[in-house]
């Protein structure tokens, strides 16, 4: 779905917080926030639909397929309000450079709370992945990627992440997060049969999550965490990765170059497939035809 965008620029996270509050009065919801980024000076930039009437039609997959309107900025991939357990965000590892990423993430999380939402998923942009967590606006943020954990995904009972350069999926229950913080207590709960995990789908949908691996795609069932089992496995060597999907509809597929730490230079996603298609159907459609 083509979406015309409007960009709002704010000098700092506090101004962005006030700006989001004003935009809510015009009809902006979580669905309508398309991109959130910081520049090297710490200014915040937020992209929303040109026409607020489109907000109710936007889906996560639609966002992932958009081109970013910001040049030279450091993008957030997702921001999560963990009820009683702080704030988590994924994005460009350079977000730490301006020194205000935690303030902006907390401000967005508070805005989410005001609308009754827990998560915000944003457009797909090329960068070296980073993941952070903070307990509150006054706490020092913790870089999970310093331990190799990136692409962190929220579930009903805890956090899931891949570890760069490994084939294992790791799980941290919220109970351990509360006791030990975000760097301890992670345990491997699944090992990919297709090599190192390069990318995680950005959200769990129907207790399913797609892992993009060095040798293809693996869909896992998370309904009985910490027990995880594969439900679909398809071999694919082309550098495609699943970043999301529309419920009951298409997969959001990006492409990049396979490296030890993930997919390099990923592109805005394309929506592939139709309602009812399986991961195996998707993989067949991605294989180049002779």
C-alpha atoms as a PDB file:
ATOM      1  CA  UNK A   1       0.000   0.000   0.000  1.00  0.00           C
ATOM      2  CA  UNK A   2       1.667   3.307  -1.069  1.00  0.00           C
ATOM      3  CA  UNK A   3       1.794   5.806   1.796  1.00  0.00           C
ATOM      4  CA  UNK A   4       2.598   9.497   1.391  1.00  0.00           C
ATOM      5  CA  UNK A   5       4.615  10.627   4.415  1.00  0.00           C
ATOM      6  CA  UNK A   6       5.063  13.798   6.413  1.00  0.00           C
ATOM      7  CA  UNK A   7       8.230  14.400   8.444  1.00  0.00           C
ATOM      8  CA  UNK A   8       8.397  16.131  11.826  1.00  0.00           C
ATOM      9  CA  UNK A   9      11.750  17.311  13.166  1.00  0.00           C
ATOM     10  CA  UNK A  10      12.377  17.955  16.867  1.00  0.00           C
ATOM     11  CA  UNK A  11      15.467  19.426  18.494  1.00  0.00           C
ATOM     12  CA  UNK A  12      15.585  16.780  21.253  1.00  0.00           C
ATOM     13  CA  UNK A  13      13.573  13.867  22.762  1.00  0.00           C
ATOM     14  CA  UNK A  14      11.607  16.177  25.069  1.00  0.00           C
ATOM     15  CA  UNK A  15      10.386  18.170  22.091  1.00  0.00           C
ATOM     16  CA  UNK A  16       9.574  14.888  20.306  1.00  0.00           C
ATOM     17  CA  UNK A  17       7.513  13.770  23.308  1.00  0.00           C
ATOM     18  CA  UNK A  18       5.476  16.982  23.215  1.00  0.00           C
ATOM     19  CA  UNK A  19       5.143  16.699  19.453  1.00  0.00           C
ATOM     20  CA  UNK A  20       3.821  13.128  19.633  1.00  0.00           C
ATOM     21  CA  UNK A  21       1.261  14.227  22.212  1.00  0.00           C
ATOM     22  CA  UNK A  22       0.028  16.920  19.827  1.00  0.00           C
ATOM     23  CA  UNK A  23      -0.070  14.486  16.909  1.00  0.00           C
ATOM     24  CA  UNK A  24      -2.195  12.086  18.941  1.00  0.00           C
ATOM     25  CA  UNK A  25      -4.848  14.814  19.103  1.00  0.00           C
ATOM     26  CA  UNK A  26      -4.946  14.819  15.286  1.00  0.00           C
ATOM     27  CA  UNK A  27      -5.545  11.046  15.146  1.00  0.00           C
ATOM     28  CA  UNK A  28      -2.042   9.571  15.186  1.00  0.00           C
ATOM     29  CA  UNK A  29      -1.820   6.051  16.647  1.00  0.00           C
ATOM     30  CA  UNK A  30       1.009   3.549  16.998  1.00  0.00           C
ATOM     31  CA  UNK A  31       0.221   2.185  13.542  1.00  0.00           C
ATOM     32  CA  UNK A  32       0.806   5.588  12.025  1.00  0.00           C
ATOM     33  CA  UNK A  33       4.382   6.109  13.236  1.00  0.00           C
ATOM     34  CA  UNK A  34       6.409   4.929  10.238  1.00  0.00           C
ATOM     35  CA  UNK A  35      10.017   5.858  11.095  1.00  0.00           C
ATOM     36  CA  UNK A  36      11.772   7.194  14.198  1.00  0.00           C
ATOM     37  CA  UNK A  37      15.408   8.296  13.983  1.00  0.00           C
ATOM     38  CA  UNK A  38      18.107  10.442  15.532  1.00  0.00           C
ATOM     39  CA  UNK A  39      20.738  12.459  13.726  1.00  0.00           C
ATOM     40  CA  UNK A  40      24.324  12.925  14.851  1.00  0.00           C
ATOM     41  CA  UNK A  41      23.381  16.077  16.817  1.00  0.00           C
ATOM     42  CA  UNK A  42      20.670  14.295  18.803  1.00  0.00           C
ATOM     43  CA  UNK A  43      17.713  15.812  16.986  1.00  0.00           C
ATOM     44  CA  UNK A  44      14.734  13.470  16.606  1.00  0.00           C
ATOM     45  CA  UNK A  45      12.933  12.843  13.326  1.00  0.00           C
ATOM     46  CA  UNK A  46       9.545  11.126  13.039  1.00  0.00           C
ATOM     47  CA  UNK A  47       7.688  10.177   9.843  1.00  0.00           C
ATOM     48  CA  UNK A  48       3.902   9.739   9.818  1.00  0.00           C
ATOM     49  CA  UNK A  49       1.279   9.472   7.034  1.00  0.00           C
ATOM     50  CA  UNK A  50       0.503  12.653   5.130  1.00  0.00           C
ATOM     51  CA  UNK A  51      -3.183  11.916   5.641  1.00  0.00           C
ATOM     52  CA  UNK A  52      -4.164  10.750   9.134  1.00  0.00           C
ATOM     53  CA  UNK A  53      -7.245   9.029   7.719  1.00  0.00           C
ATOM     54  CA  UNK A  54      -4.872   6.318   6.422  1.00  0.00           C
ATOM     55  CA  UNK A  55      -3.681   5.387   9.922  1.00  0.00           C
ATOM     56  CA  UNK A  56      -6.272   2.672  10.511  1.00  0.00           C
ATOM     57  CA  UNK A  57      -5.335   0.894   7.255  1.00  0.00           C
ATOM     58  CA  UNK A  58      -1.584   0.673   7.910  1.00  0.00           C
ATOM     59  CA  UNK A  59      -0.133  -2.713   8.855  1.00  0.00           C
ATOM     60  CA  UNK A  60       3.337  -3.636  10.103  1.00  0.00           C
ATOM     61  CA  UNK A  61       4.187  -5.168   6.736  1.00  0.00           C
ATOM     62  CA  UNK A  62       3.275  -1.902   5.015  1.00  0.00           C
ATOM     63  CA  UNK A  63       5.776   0.016   7.150  1.00  0.00           C
ATOM     64  CA  UNK A  64       8.563  -2.463   6.432  1.00  0.00           C
ATOM     65  CA  UNK A  65       8.148  -1.889   2.694  1.00  0.00           C
ATOM     66  CA  UNK A  66       8.600   1.903   2.860  1.00  0.00           C
ATOM     67  CA  UNK A  67      11.688   3.883   1.877  1.00  0.00           C
ATOM     68  CA  UNK A  68      12.960   6.042   4.730  1.00  0.00           C
ATOM     69  CA  UNK A  69      12.620   9.809   4.175  1.00  0.00           C
ATOM     70  CA  UNK A  70      15.646  10.521   6.420  1.00  0.00           C
ATOM     71  CA  UNK A  71      19.177  10.677   5.005  1.00  0.00           C
ATOM     72  CA  UNK A  72      22.177  10.130   7.268  1.00  0.00           C
ATOM     73  CA  UNK A  73      20.120   9.312  10.382  1.00  0.00           C
ATOM     74  CA  UNK A  74      20.272   6.442  12.858  1.00  0.00           C
ATOM     75  CA  UNK A  75      17.019   4.503  12.841  1.00  0.00           C
ATOM     76  CA  UNK A  76      15.028   2.607  15.442  1.00  0.00           C
ATOM     77  CA  UNK A  77      13.642  -0.762  14.285  1.00  0.00           C
ATOM     78  CA  UNK A  78      11.267  -1.293  17.209  1.00  0.00           C
ATOM     79  CA  UNK A  79      10.519   0.051  20.686  1.00  0.00           C
ATOM     80  CA  UNK A  80       8.910  -2.116  23.376  1.00  0.00           C
ATOM     81  CA  UNK A  81       7.277  -1.115  26.643  1.00  0.00           C
ATOM     82  CA  UNK A  82       7.861  -4.072  28.968  1.00  0.00           C
ATOM     83  CA  UNK A  83       5.178  -3.658  31.621  1.00  0.00           C
ATOM     84  CA  UNK A  84       7.034  -3.522  34.934  1.00  0.00           C
ATOM     85  CA  UNK A  85      10.308  -4.500  33.258  1.00  0.00           C
ATOM     86  CA  UNK A  86      11.597  -1.337  31.586  1.00  0.00           C
ATOM     87  CA  UNK A  87      11.976  -0.377  27.926  1.00  0.00           C
ATOM     88  CA  UNK A  88      13.669  -2.323  25.127  1.00  0.00           C
ATOM     89  CA  UNK A  89      14.642  -1.026  21.703  1.00  0.00           C
ATOM     90  CA  UNK A  90      16.326  -2.377  18.574  1.00  0.00           C
ATOM     91  CA  UNK A  91      17.949  -0.376  15.822  1.00  0.00           C
ATOM     92  CA  UNK A  92      21.104   1.079  14.325  1.00  0.00           C
ATOM     93  CA  UNK A  93      24.065   0.499  16.622  1.00  0.00           C
ATOM     94  CA  UNK A  94      25.076   4.120  16.001  1.00  0.00           C
ATOM     95  CA  UNK A  95      21.997   5.256  17.961  1.00  0.00           C
ATOM     96  CA  UNK A  96      24.298   5.369  20.986  1.00  0.00           C
ATOM     97  CA  UNK A  97      26.471   8.121  19.455  1.00  0.00           C
ATOM     98  CA  UNK A  98      24.170  11.154  19.975  1.00  0.00           C
ATOM     99  CA  UNK A  99      23.676  10.132  23.628  1.00  0.00           C
ATOM    100  CA  UNK A 100      19.913  10.648  23.633  1.00  0.00           C
ATOM    101  CA  UNK A 101      18.549   7.350  22.247  1.00  0.00           C
ATOM    102  CA  UNK A 102      17.434   6.127  25.671  1.00  0.00           C
ATOM    103  CA  UNK A 103      15.541   9.367  26.335  1.00  0.00           C
ATOM    104  CA  UNK A 104      13.738   9.090  23.001  1.00  0.00           C
ATOM    105  CA  UNK A 105      12.959   5.381  23.479  1.00  0.00           C
ATOM    106  CA  UNK A 106      11.498   6.046  26.936  1.00  0.00           C
ATOM    107  CA  UNK A 107       9.507   9.013  25.610  1.00  0.00           C
ATOM    108  CA  UNK A 108       8.031   6.835  22.849  1.00  0.00           C
ATOM    109  CA  UNK A 109       7.292   4.064  25.376  1.00  0.00           C
ATOM    110  CA  UNK A 110       5.385   6.554  27.535  1.00  0.00           C
ATOM    111  CA  UNK A 111       3.460   7.653  24.452  1.00  0.00           C
ATOM    112  CA  UNK A 112       2.651   3.992  23.765  1.00  0.00           C
ATOM    113  CA  UNK A 113       1.370   3.591  27.325  1.00  0.00           C
ATOM    114  CA  UNK A 114      -0.941   6.556  26.821  1.00  0.00           C
ATOM    115  CA  UNK A 115      -2.550   4.729  23.904  1.00  0.00           C
ATOM    116  CA  UNK A 116      -2.639   1.319  25.595  1.00  0.00           C
ATOM    117  CA  UNK A 117       0.004  -0.184  23.272  1.00  0.00           C
ATOM    118  CA  UNK A 118       3.120  -2.153  24.204  1.00  0.00           C
ATOM    119  CA  UNK A 119       5.147  -2.239  20.996  1.00  0.00           C
ATOM    120  CA  UNK A 120       6.040  -0.031  18.057  1.00  0.00           C
ATOM    121  CA  UNK A 121       7.436  -1.563  14.867  1.00  0.00           C
ATOM    122  CA  UNK A 122       9.086   0.697  12.302  1.00  0.00           C
ATOM    123  CA  UNK A 123      10.412   0.643   8.738  1.00  0.00           C
ATOM    124  CA  UNK A 124      13.294  -1.500   7.503  1.00  0.00           C
ATOM    125  CA  UNK A 125      16.641   0.303   7.008  1.00  0.00           C
ATOM    126  CA  UNK A 126      20.270  -0.852   6.458  1.00  0.00           C
ATOM    127  CA  UNK A 127      22.512  -0.717   9.524  1.00  0.00           C
ATOM    128  CA  UNK A 128      24.620  -2.728  11.948  1.00  0.00           C
ATOM    129  CA  UNK A 129      22.082  -4.101  14.462  1.00  0.00           C
ATOM    130  CA  UNK A 130      22.025  -3.022  18.080  1.00  0.00           C
ATOM    131  CA  UNK A 131      19.712  -3.756  21.011  1.00  0.00           C
ATOM    132  CA  UNK A 132      19.368  -1.873  24.309  1.00  0.00           C
ATOM    133  CA  UNK A 133      17.355  -2.033  27.518  1.00  0.00           C
ATOM    134  CA  UNK A 134      16.773   0.433  30.340  1.00  0.00           C
ATOM    135  CA  UNK A 135      14.728   0.148  33.499  1.00  0.00           C
ATOM    136  CA  UNK A 136      13.596   3.779  33.556  1.00  0.00           C
ATOM    137  CA  UNK A 137      14.283   7.259  32.229  1.00  0.00           C
ATOM    138  CA  UNK A 138      16.869   7.787  34.970  1.00  0.00           C
ATOM    139  CA  UNK A 139      18.664   4.441  34.547  1.00  0.00           C
ATOM    140  CA  UNK A 140      21.758   3.868  32.474  1.00  0.00           C
ATOM    141  CA  UNK A 141      20.892   1.955  29.267  1.00  0.00           C
ATOM    142  CA  UNK A 142      22.430  -1.485  28.807  1.00  0.00           C
ATOM    143  CA  UNK A 143      23.726  -2.535  25.378  1.00  0.00           C
ATOM    144  CA  UNK A 144      22.694  -6.164  24.873  1.00  0.00           C
ATOM    145  CA  UNK A 145      24.763  -6.356  21.689  1.00  0.00           C
ATOM    146  CA  UNK A 146      27.894  -6.064  23.850  1.00  0.00           C
ATOM    147  CA  UNK A 147      27.114  -9.699  24.717  1.00  0.00           C
ATOM    148  CA  UNK A 148      26.165 -10.464  21.118  1.00  0.00           C
ATOM    149  CA  UNK A 149      22.368 -10.408  21.623  1.00  0.00           C
ATOM    150  CA  UNK A 150      20.489  -8.584  18.856  1.00  0.00           C
ATOM    151  CA  UNK A 151      17.100  -8.552  17.086  1.00  0.00           C
ATOM    152  CA  UNK A 152      15.413  -8.947  20.474  1.00  0.00           C
ATOM    153  CA  UNK A 153      11.744  -9.967  20.239  1.00  0.00           C
ATOM    154  CA  UNK A 154       9.114  -9.826  22.989  1.00  0.00           C
ATOM    155  CA  UNK A 155       6.870 -12.757  23.889  1.00  0.00           C
ATOM    156  CA  UNK A 156       4.164 -13.180  26.522  1.00  0.00           C
ATOM    157  CA  UNK A 157       6.661 -14.552  29.055  1.00  0.00           C
ATOM    158  CA  UNK A 158      10.041 -13.096  28.145  1.00  0.00           C
ATOM    159  CA  UNK A 159      12.520 -12.031  25.497  1.00  0.00           C
ATOM    160  CA  UNK A 160      13.974 -13.914  22.535  1.00  0.00           C
ATOM    161  CA  UNK A 161      17.168 -12.980  20.702  1.00  0.00           C
ATOM    162  CA  UNK A 162      19.740 -14.327  18.337  1.00  0.00           C
ATOM    163  CA  UNK A 163      23.409 -14.190  19.196  1.00  0.00           C
ATOM    164  CA  UNK A 164      25.668 -13.015  16.421  1.00  0.00           C
ATOM    165  CA  UNK A 165      27.715 -15.788  14.859  1.00  0.00           C
ATOM    166  CA  UNK A 166      25.645 -18.596  16.400  1.00  0.00           C
ATOM    167  CA  UNK A 167      22.864 -20.966  15.255  1.00  0.00           C
ATOM    168  CA  UNK A 168      21.038 -20.764  18.611  1.00  0.00           C
ATOM    169  CA  UNK A 169      17.902 -18.872  19.624  1.00  0.00           C
ATOM    170  CA  UNK A 170      18.136 -17.543  23.198  1.00  0.00           C
ATOM    171  CA  UNK A 171      15.370 -16.916  25.750  1.00  0.00           C
ATOM    172  CA  UNK A 172      15.270 -14.696  28.854  1.00  0.00           C
ATOM    173  CA  UNK A 173      12.119 -15.009  31.000  1.00  0.00           C
ATOM    174  CA  UNK A 174      10.757 -11.799  32.510  1.00  0.00           C
ATOM    175  CA  UNK A 175      11.234 -13.364  35.949  1.00  0.00           C
ATOM    176  CA  UNK A 176      14.998 -13.584  35.330  1.00  0.00           C
ATOM    177  CA  UNK A 177      15.086 -10.121  33.762  1.00  0.00           C
ATOM    178  CA  UNK A 178      13.625  -8.701  36.994  1.00  0.00           C
ATOM    179  CA  UNK A 179      16.171 -10.556  39.151  1.00  0.00           C
ATOM    180  CA  UNK A 180      19.351 -10.490  37.071  1.00  0.00           C
ATOM    181  CA  UNK A 181      18.957  -7.695  34.544  1.00  0.00           C
ATOM    182  CA  UNK A 182      19.212  -8.086  30.760  1.00  0.00           C
ATOM    183  CA  UNK A 183      22.724  -9.519  30.441  1.00  0.00           C
ATOM    184  CA  UNK A 184      22.460 -12.653  32.571  1.00  0.00           C
ATOM    185  CA  UNK A 185      20.075 -15.596  32.528  1.00  0.00           C
ATOM    186  CA  UNK A 186      19.818 -16.100  28.762  1.00  0.00           C
ATOM    187  CA  UNK A 187      19.579 -19.753  27.757  1.00  0.00           C
ATOM    188  CA  UNK A 188      19.588 -21.369  24.302  1.00  0.00           C
ATOM    189  CA  UNK A 189      16.170 -22.886  23.551  1.00  0.00           C
ATOM    190  CA  UNK A 190      16.537 -23.835  19.895  1.00  0.00           C
ATOM    191  CA  UNK A 191      19.350 -24.589  17.448  1.00  0.00           C
ATOM    192  CA  UNK A 192      18.834 -23.886  13.769  1.00  0.00           C
ATOM    193  CA  UNK A 193      19.385 -26.856  11.452  1.00  0.00           C
ATOM    194  CA  UNK A 194      20.348 -24.366   8.705  1.00  0.00           C
ATOM    195  CA  UNK A 195      23.386 -22.699  10.270  1.00  0.00           C
ATOM    196  CA  UNK A 196      23.859 -19.356  11.962  1.00  0.00           C
ATOM    197  CA  UNK A 197      20.754 -17.268  12.583  1.00  0.00           C
ATOM    198  CA  UNK A 198      21.131 -14.002  10.658  1.00  0.00           C
ATOM    199  CA  UNK A 199      17.831 -12.227  11.332  1.00  0.00           C
ATOM    200  CA  UNK A 200      14.690 -12.633  13.437  1.00  0.00           C
ATOM    201  CA  UNK A 201      11.227 -11.668  12.317  1.00  0.00           C
ATOM    202  CA  UNK A 202      10.421  -8.521  14.296  1.00  0.00           C
ATOM    203  CA  UNK A 203       7.321  -9.773  16.078  1.00  0.00           C
ATOM    204  CA  UNK A 204       5.703 -13.015  17.185  1.00  0.00           C
ATOM    205  CA  UNK A 205       2.455 -13.655  15.325  1.00  0.00           C
ATOM    206  CA  UNK A 206       0.178 -16.503  16.385  1.00  0.00           C
ATOM    207  CA  UNK A 207       2.997 -17.996  18.501  1.00  0.00           C
ATOM    208  CA  UNK A 208       5.100 -18.318  15.337  1.00  0.00           C
ATOM    209  CA  UNK A 209       8.399 -16.658  14.473  1.00  0.00           C
ATOM    210  CA  UNK A 210      10.529 -16.920  11.333  1.00  0.00           C
ATOM    211  CA  UNK A 211      14.310 -17.231  11.686  1.00  0.00           C
ATOM    212  CA  UNK A 212      16.438 -16.268   8.694  1.00  0.00           C
ATOM    213  CA  UNK A 213      19.507 -18.513   8.722  1.00  0.00           C
ATOM    214  CA  UNK A 214      22.644 -18.925   6.635  1.00  0.00           C
ATOM    215  CA  UNK A 215      21.071 -21.862   4.810  1.00  0.00           C
ATOM    216  CA  UNK A 216      17.432 -20.817   4.613  1.00  0.00           C
ATOM    217  CA  UNK A 217      14.312 -20.059   6.644  1.00  0.00           C
ATOM    218  CA  UNK A 218      13.024 -21.779   9.782  1.00  0.00           C
ATOM    219  CA  UNK A 219       9.612 -21.132  11.347  1.00  0.00           C
ATOM    220  CA  UNK A 220       9.316 -22.024  15.030  1.00  0.00           C
ATOM    221  CA  UNK A 221       6.382 -22.503  17.412  1.00  0.00           C
ATOM    222  CA  UNK A 222       6.692 -20.513  20.657  1.00  0.00           C
ATOM    223  CA  UNK A 223       3.428 -21.601  22.246  1.00  0.00           C
ATOM    224  CA  UNK A 224       5.157 -23.601  24.978  1.00  0.00           C
ATOM    225  CA  UNK A 225       8.261 -21.554  25.781  1.00  0.00           C
ATOM    226  CA  UNK A 226      10.941 -22.399  26.810  1.00  0.00           C
ATOM    227  CA  UNK A 227      10.219 -25.432  24.616  1.00  0.00           C
ATOM    228  CA  UNK A 228      10.622 -24.423  20.970  1.00  0.00           C
ATOM    229  CA  UNK A 229      10.067 -26.618  17.936  1.00  0.00           C
ATOM    230  CA  UNK A 230      10.435 -26.092  14.203  1.00  0.00           C
ATOM    231  CA  UNK A 231       7.200 -26.140  12.212  1.00  0.00           C
ATOM    232  CA  UNK A 232       8.631 -25.349   8.763  1.00  0.00           C
ATOM    233  CA  UNK A 233      12.170 -25.514   7.390  1.00  0.00           C
ATOM    234  CA  UNK A 234      13.101 -24.485   3.858  1.00  0.00           C
ATOM    235  CA  UNK A 235      16.570 -24.280   2.345  1.00  0.00           C
ATOM    236  CA  UNK A 236      17.372 -21.020   0.591  1.00  0.00           C
ATOM    237  CA  UNK A 237      20.820 -19.575  -0.200  1.00  0.00           C
ATOM    238  CA  UNK A 238      19.889 -16.293  -1.840  1.00  0.00           C
ATOM    239  CA  UNK A 239      20.241 -13.720   0.957  1.00  0.00           C
ATOM    240  CA  UNK A 240      16.508 -13.173   1.430  1.00  0.00           C
ATOM    241  CA  UNK A 241      15.205 -12.603   4.970  1.00  0.00           C
ATOM    242  CA  UNK A 242      11.761 -12.392   6.570  1.00  0.00           C
ATOM    243  CA  UNK A 243      11.351  -9.273   8.725  1.00  0.00           C
ATOM    244  CA  UNK A 244       7.605  -9.486   9.265  1.00  0.00           C
ATOM    245  CA  UNK A 245       4.256 -10.452   7.843  1.00  0.00           C
ATOM    246  CA  UNK A 246       0.692  -9.269   7.623  1.00  0.00           C
ATOM    247  CA  UNK A 247      -1.694 -11.359   9.702  1.00  0.00           C
ATOM    248  CA  UNK A 248      -3.388 -13.786   7.336  1.00  0.00           C
ATOM    249  CA  UNK A 249      -1.539 -12.211   4.412  1.00  0.00           C
ATOM    250  CA  UNK A 250       1.837 -11.557   2.809  1.00  0.00           C
ATOM    251  CA  UNK A 251       5.359 -11.937   4.184  1.00  0.00           C
ATOM    252  CA  UNK A 252       7.596  -8.837   4.380  1.00  0.00           C
ATOM    253  CA  UNK A 253      10.848  -9.971   2.756  1.00  0.00           C
ATOM    254  CA  UNK A 254      14.114  -8.038   2.697  1.00  0.00           C
ATOM    255  CA  UNK A 255      17.377  -8.955   1.016  1.00  0.00           C
ATOM    256  CA  UNK A 256      21.005  -8.422   1.901  1.00  0.00           C
ATOM    257  CA  UNK A 257      24.461  -9.942   1.877  1.00  0.00           C
ATOM    258  CA  UNK A 258      25.122 -12.827   4.262  1.00  0.00           C
ATOM    259  CA  UNK A 259      27.856 -12.125   6.833  1.00  0.00           C
ATOM    260  CA  UNK A 260      28.909 -13.651  10.134  1.00  0.00           C
ATOM    261  CA  UNK A 261      26.889 -11.107  12.133  1.00  0.00           C
ATOM    262  CA  UNK A 262      23.767 -10.977   9.973  1.00  0.00           C
ATOM    263  CA  UNK A 263      22.443  -9.647   6.690  1.00  0.00           C
ATOM    264  CA  UNK A 264      24.501  -6.674   5.469  1.00  0.00           C
ATOM    265  CA  UNK A 265      22.886  -3.716   3.682  1.00  0.00           C
ATOM    266  CA  UNK A 266      19.304  -4.939   3.988  1.00  0.00           C
ATOM    267  CA  UNK A 267      16.783  -3.189   1.770  1.00  0.00           C
ATOM    268  CA  UNK A 268      13.206  -2.008   2.420  1.00  0.00           C
ATOM    269  CA  UNK A 269      11.034  -5.110   2.399  1.00  0.00           C
ATOM    270  CA  UNK A 270       8.772  -6.338  -0.364  1.00  0.00           C
ATOM    271  CA  UNK A 271       5.414  -7.885   0.447  1.00  0.00           C
ATOM    272  CA  UNK A 272       5.434 -11.398  -1.033  1.00  0.00           C
ATOM    273  CA  UNK A 273       2.708 -14.030  -1.130  1.00  0.00           C
ATOM    274  CA  UNK A 274      -0.990 -13.952  -0.359  1.00  0.00           C
ATOM    275  CA  UNK A 275      -3.322 -15.052   2.413  1.00  0.00           C
ATOM    276  CA  UNK A 276      -2.883 -18.689   3.361  1.00  0.00           C
ATOM    277  CA  UNK A 277       0.596 -19.125   1.875  1.00  0.00           C
ATOM    278  CA  UNK A 278       3.082 -21.073   3.975  1.00  0.00           C
ATOM    279  CA  UNK A 279       6.788 -20.456   4.449  1.00  0.00           C
ATOM    280  CA  UNK A 280       7.443 -23.207   1.919  1.00  0.00           C
ATOM    281  CA  UNK A 281       5.227 -21.428  -0.634  1.00  0.00           C
ATOM    282  CA  UNK A 282       7.155 -18.227   0.020  1.00  0.00           C
ATOM    283  CA  UNK A 283      10.551 -19.905  -0.463  1.00  0.00           C
ATOM    284  CA  UNK A 284       9.457 -21.414  -3.758  1.00  0.00           C
ATOM    285  CA  UNK A 285       8.393 -17.983  -5.016  1.00  0.00           C
ATOM    286  CA  UNK A 286      11.811 -16.508  -4.072  1.00  0.00           C
ATOM    287  CA  UNK A 287      13.890 -19.072  -5.970  1.00  0.00           C
ATOM    288  CA  UNK A 288      14.972 -17.608  -9.340  1.00  0.00           C
ATOM    289  CA  UNK A 289      13.203 -19.251 -12.245  1.00  0.00           C
ATOM    290  CA  UNK A 290      15.474 -20.886 -14.886  1.00  0.00           C
END
